[in-house]
N, C-alpha and C. Protein backbone atom coordinates (compact mmCIF):
# COMPACT_ATOMS: atom_id res chain seq x y z
N UNK A 1 -4.95 7.22 -7.70
CA UNK A 1 -6.70 7.70 -7.75
C UNK A 1 -6.97 8.85 -6.81
N UNK A 2 -7.40 10.14 -7.10
CA UNK A 2 -7.88 10.98 -5.95
C UNK A 2 -9.00 10.83 -5.26
N UNK A 3 -8.76 10.95 -4.01
CA UNK A 3 -10.18 10.77 -3.17
C UNK A 3 -10.83 11.96 -3.20
N UNK A 4 -12.19 11.41 -3.10
CA UNK A 4 -13.31 12.57 -2.74
C UNK A 4 -13.09 13.24 -1.33
N UNK A 5 -13.26 14.32 -1.42
CA UNK A 5 -13.16 14.89 0.21
C UNK A 5 -14.51 15.58 0.08
N UNK A 6 -15.28 15.36 1.30
CA UNK A 6 -16.63 15.73 1.77
C UNK A 6 -16.43 16.63 3.08
N UNK A 7 -17.52 17.66 3.30
CA UNK A 7 -17.98 18.28 4.23
C UNK A 7 -19.17 17.43 4.62
N UNK A 8 -19.52 16.98 6.08
CA UNK A 8 -20.81 16.24 6.04
C UNK A 8 -21.38 16.85 7.38
N UNK A 9 -22.64 17.07 7.24
CA UNK A 9 -23.23 17.36 8.59
C UNK A 9 -24.60 16.42 8.89
N UNK A 10 -24.54 15.34 9.97
CA UNK A 10 -25.44 14.43 10.25
C UNK A 10 -26.63 15.56 10.64
N UNK A 11 -27.91 14.63 10.19
CA UNK A 11 -29.23 15.47 10.23
C UNK A 11 -29.91 15.14 11.70
N UNK A 12 -29.31 14.12 12.48
CA UNK A 12 -29.70 13.98 13.80
C UNK A 12 -28.87 13.13 14.51
N UNK A 13 -29.26 12.90 15.59
CA UNK A 13 -28.06 11.86 16.64
C UNK A 13 -27.80 10.60 16.19
N UNK A 14 -28.89 9.90 15.54
CA UNK A 14 -28.94 8.86 15.48
C UNK A 14 -27.83 8.66 13.92
N UNK A 15 -28.13 9.43 13.04
CA UNK A 15 -26.95 9.63 11.99
C UNK A 15 -25.56 10.06 12.58
N UNK A 16 -25.37 10.79 13.68
CA UNK A 16 -24.03 10.97 13.80
C UNK A 16 -23.39 10.06 14.52
N UNK A 17 -24.32 9.08 15.08
CA UNK A 17 -23.75 7.99 15.88
C UNK A 17 -23.17 6.94 14.30
N UNK A 18 -24.28 6.73 13.46
CA UNK A 18 -23.70 5.97 12.31
C UNK A 18 -22.58 6.47 11.72
N UNK A 19 -22.43 7.97 11.49
CA UNK A 19 -21.29 8.64 10.86
C UNK A 19 -20.19 8.46 11.79
N UNK A 20 -20.09 8.28 13.03
CA UNK A 20 -18.88 7.77 14.17
C UNK A 20 -18.13 6.48 13.52
N UNK A 21 -19.20 5.30 13.16
CA UNK A 21 -18.84 3.97 12.72
C UNK A 21 -18.59 3.79 11.40
N UNK A 22 -18.98 4.95 10.71
CA UNK A 22 -18.66 5.08 9.17
C UNK A 22 -19.83 4.05 8.42
N UNK A 23 -20.82 4.21 9.04
CA UNK A 23 -22.05 3.55 8.40
C UNK A 23 -23.12 4.11 7.88
N UNK A 24 -22.68 5.77 7.84
CA UNK A 24 -24.04 6.74 7.64
C UNK A 24 -24.31 6.30 6.16
N UNK A 25 -25.63 7.07 5.78
CA UNK A 25 -26.55 6.68 4.62
C UNK A 25 -26.61 8.04 4.08
N UNK A 26 -26.55 8.18 2.83
CA UNK A 26 -26.72 9.46 2.29
C UNK A 26 -27.96 10.29 2.53
N UNK A 27 -28.90 9.63 2.95
CA UNK A 27 -30.09 10.36 3.10
C UNK A 27 -30.04 11.13 4.71
N UNK A 28 -29.21 10.49 5.37
CA UNK A 28 -29.01 10.75 6.99
C UNK A 28 -27.85 12.18 7.13
N UNK A 29 -27.53 12.45 5.90
CA UNK A 29 -26.29 13.57 5.78
C UNK A 29 -26.56 14.80 4.80
N UNK A 30 -26.45 15.69 5.03
CA UNK A 30 -26.25 17.05 4.64
C UNK A 30 -24.81 16.98 4.13
N UNK A 31 -24.20 17.00 2.71
CA UNK A 31 -22.97 16.94 2.34
C UNK A 31 -22.61 17.84 1.21
N UNK A 32 -21.26 17.99 1.25
CA UNK A 32 -20.88 18.92 0.33
C UNK A 32 -19.47 18.41 -0.22
N UNK A 33 -19.33 18.11 -1.54
CA UNK A 33 -18.34 17.60 -2.15
C UNK A 33 -17.28 18.39 -2.48
N UNK A 34 -16.23 18.48 -2.33
CA UNK A 34 -15.20 19.54 -2.65
C UNK A 34 -13.98 18.95 -3.62
N UNK A 35 -14.03 19.81 -4.66
CA UNK A 35 -12.98 19.51 -5.34
C UNK A 35 -11.56 19.85 -5.16
N UNK A 36 -10.43 19.51 -5.66
CA UNK A 36 -9.17 19.70 -5.29
C UNK A 36 -8.93 21.13 -4.83
N UNK A 37 -9.59 21.92 -6.03
CA UNK A 37 -9.17 23.33 -5.82
C UNK A 37 -9.80 24.03 -4.72
N UNK A 38 -11.06 23.65 -4.51
CA UNK A 38 -11.80 23.98 -3.10
C UNK A 38 -11.01 23.46 -1.92
N UNK A 39 -11.03 22.29 -1.93
CA UNK A 39 -9.90 21.66 -0.89
C UNK A 39 -8.69 22.41 -0.56
N UNK A 40 -7.98 22.85 -1.45
CA UNK A 40 -6.81 23.63 -1.05
C UNK A 40 -6.93 24.90 -0.73
N UNK A 41 -8.16 25.29 -1.35
CA UNK A 41 -8.31 27.14 -0.77
C UNK A 41 -8.82 26.90 0.67
N UNK A 42 -9.76 25.95 1.04
CA UNK A 42 -10.15 25.85 2.23
C UNK A 42 -8.84 25.31 3.28
N UNK A 43 -7.92 24.70 3.02
CA UNK A 43 -6.76 24.43 3.61
C UNK A 43 -6.00 25.46 4.05
N UNK A 44 -5.80 26.26 3.03
CA UNK A 44 -5.06 27.73 3.03
C UNK A 44 -5.95 28.40 4.27
N UNK A 45 -6.99 28.75 4.11
CA UNK A 45 -7.78 29.47 4.80
C UNK A 45 -7.80 29.03 6.26
N UNK A 46 -7.94 27.35 6.51
CA UNK A 46 -7.85 26.85 7.82
C UNK A 46 -6.66 27.35 8.39
N UNK A 47 -5.51 27.25 7.74
CA UNK A 47 -4.21 27.62 8.08
C UNK A 47 -3.99 28.82 8.71
N UNK A 48 -4.43 29.45 8.26
CA UNK A 48 -4.21 31.16 8.42
C UNK A 48 -5.37 31.54 9.44
N UNK A 49 -6.44 30.61 9.82
CA UNK A 49 -7.30 30.98 10.81
C UNK A 49 -6.89 30.31 12.07
N UNK A 50 -6.09 29.23 12.09
CA UNK A 50 -5.29 28.52 13.45
C UNK A 50 -4.29 29.61 13.57
N UNK A 51 -3.72 30.29 12.67
CA UNK A 51 -2.89 31.20 13.02
C UNK A 51 -3.16 32.54 13.58
N UNK A 52 -4.22 32.98 13.22
CA UNK A 52 -5.07 33.78 13.74
C UNK A 52 -5.68 33.79 15.35
N UNK A 53 -6.05 32.33 15.62
CA UNK A 53 -6.65 32.07 16.93
C UNK A 53 -5.36 32.06 17.79
N UNK A 54 -4.15 31.64 17.33
CA UNK A 54 -3.12 31.42 18.44
C UNK A 54 -2.60 32.99 18.60
N UNK A 55 -2.85 34.13 17.65
CA UNK A 55 -2.78 35.43 17.97
C UNK A 55 -3.50 35.93 19.32
N UNK A 56 -4.90 35.27 19.09
CA UNK A 56 -6.14 35.37 20.12
C UNK A 56 -5.29 35.24 21.46
N UNK A 57 -4.83 34.04 21.35
CA UNK A 57 -4.23 33.53 22.53
C UNK A 57 -3.19 34.28 23.23
N UNK A 58 -2.09 34.38 22.06
CA UNK A 58 -1.50 35.34 22.66
C UNK A 58 -1.26 36.65 23.24
N UNK A 59 -2.31 37.45 22.65
CA UNK A 59 -2.86 38.61 23.04
C UNK A 59 -3.75 38.76 23.95
N UNK A 60 -4.40 37.46 24.20
CA UNK A 60 -5.47 37.54 25.11
C UNK A 60 -6.65 38.40 24.83
N UNK A 61 -6.94 38.58 23.33
CA UNK A 61 -7.95 39.06 23.34
C UNK A 61 -9.33 38.16 22.61
N UNK A 62 -9.98 38.93 21.19
CA UNK A 62 -11.16 37.92 20.70
C UNK A 62 -10.80 38.05 19.20
N UNK A 63 -11.41 37.22 18.62
CA UNK A 63 -11.64 37.01 17.10
C UNK A 63 -12.92 37.92 16.77
N UNK A 64 -12.61 38.76 15.82
CA UNK A 64 -13.49 39.67 15.23
C UNK A 64 -14.19 39.33 13.84
N UNK A 65 -15.27 38.62 13.59
CA UNK A 65 -15.80 38.52 12.46
C UNK A 65 -16.38 39.83 12.16
N UNK A 66 -16.15 40.53 11.00
CA UNK A 66 -16.92 41.52 10.50
C UNK A 66 -17.30 41.25 9.02
N UNK A 67 -18.63 40.88 8.71
CA UNK A 67 -19.03 40.64 7.46
C UNK A 67 -20.03 41.54 6.92
């Protein structure tokens, strides 16, 4: 069985504490459920971002986000 994948943001400090203990309530969180396809895409983008951050360290430069 496939496990659902979430990105969660606690709404306040108490919610953050509850999240740390795994006892958060839905109303305490903003959350996004990722499909397997979305998760795979995010994982690919994060791997590439990590590579870019390693280049920043190597070159002793910056990351530019030009949107």
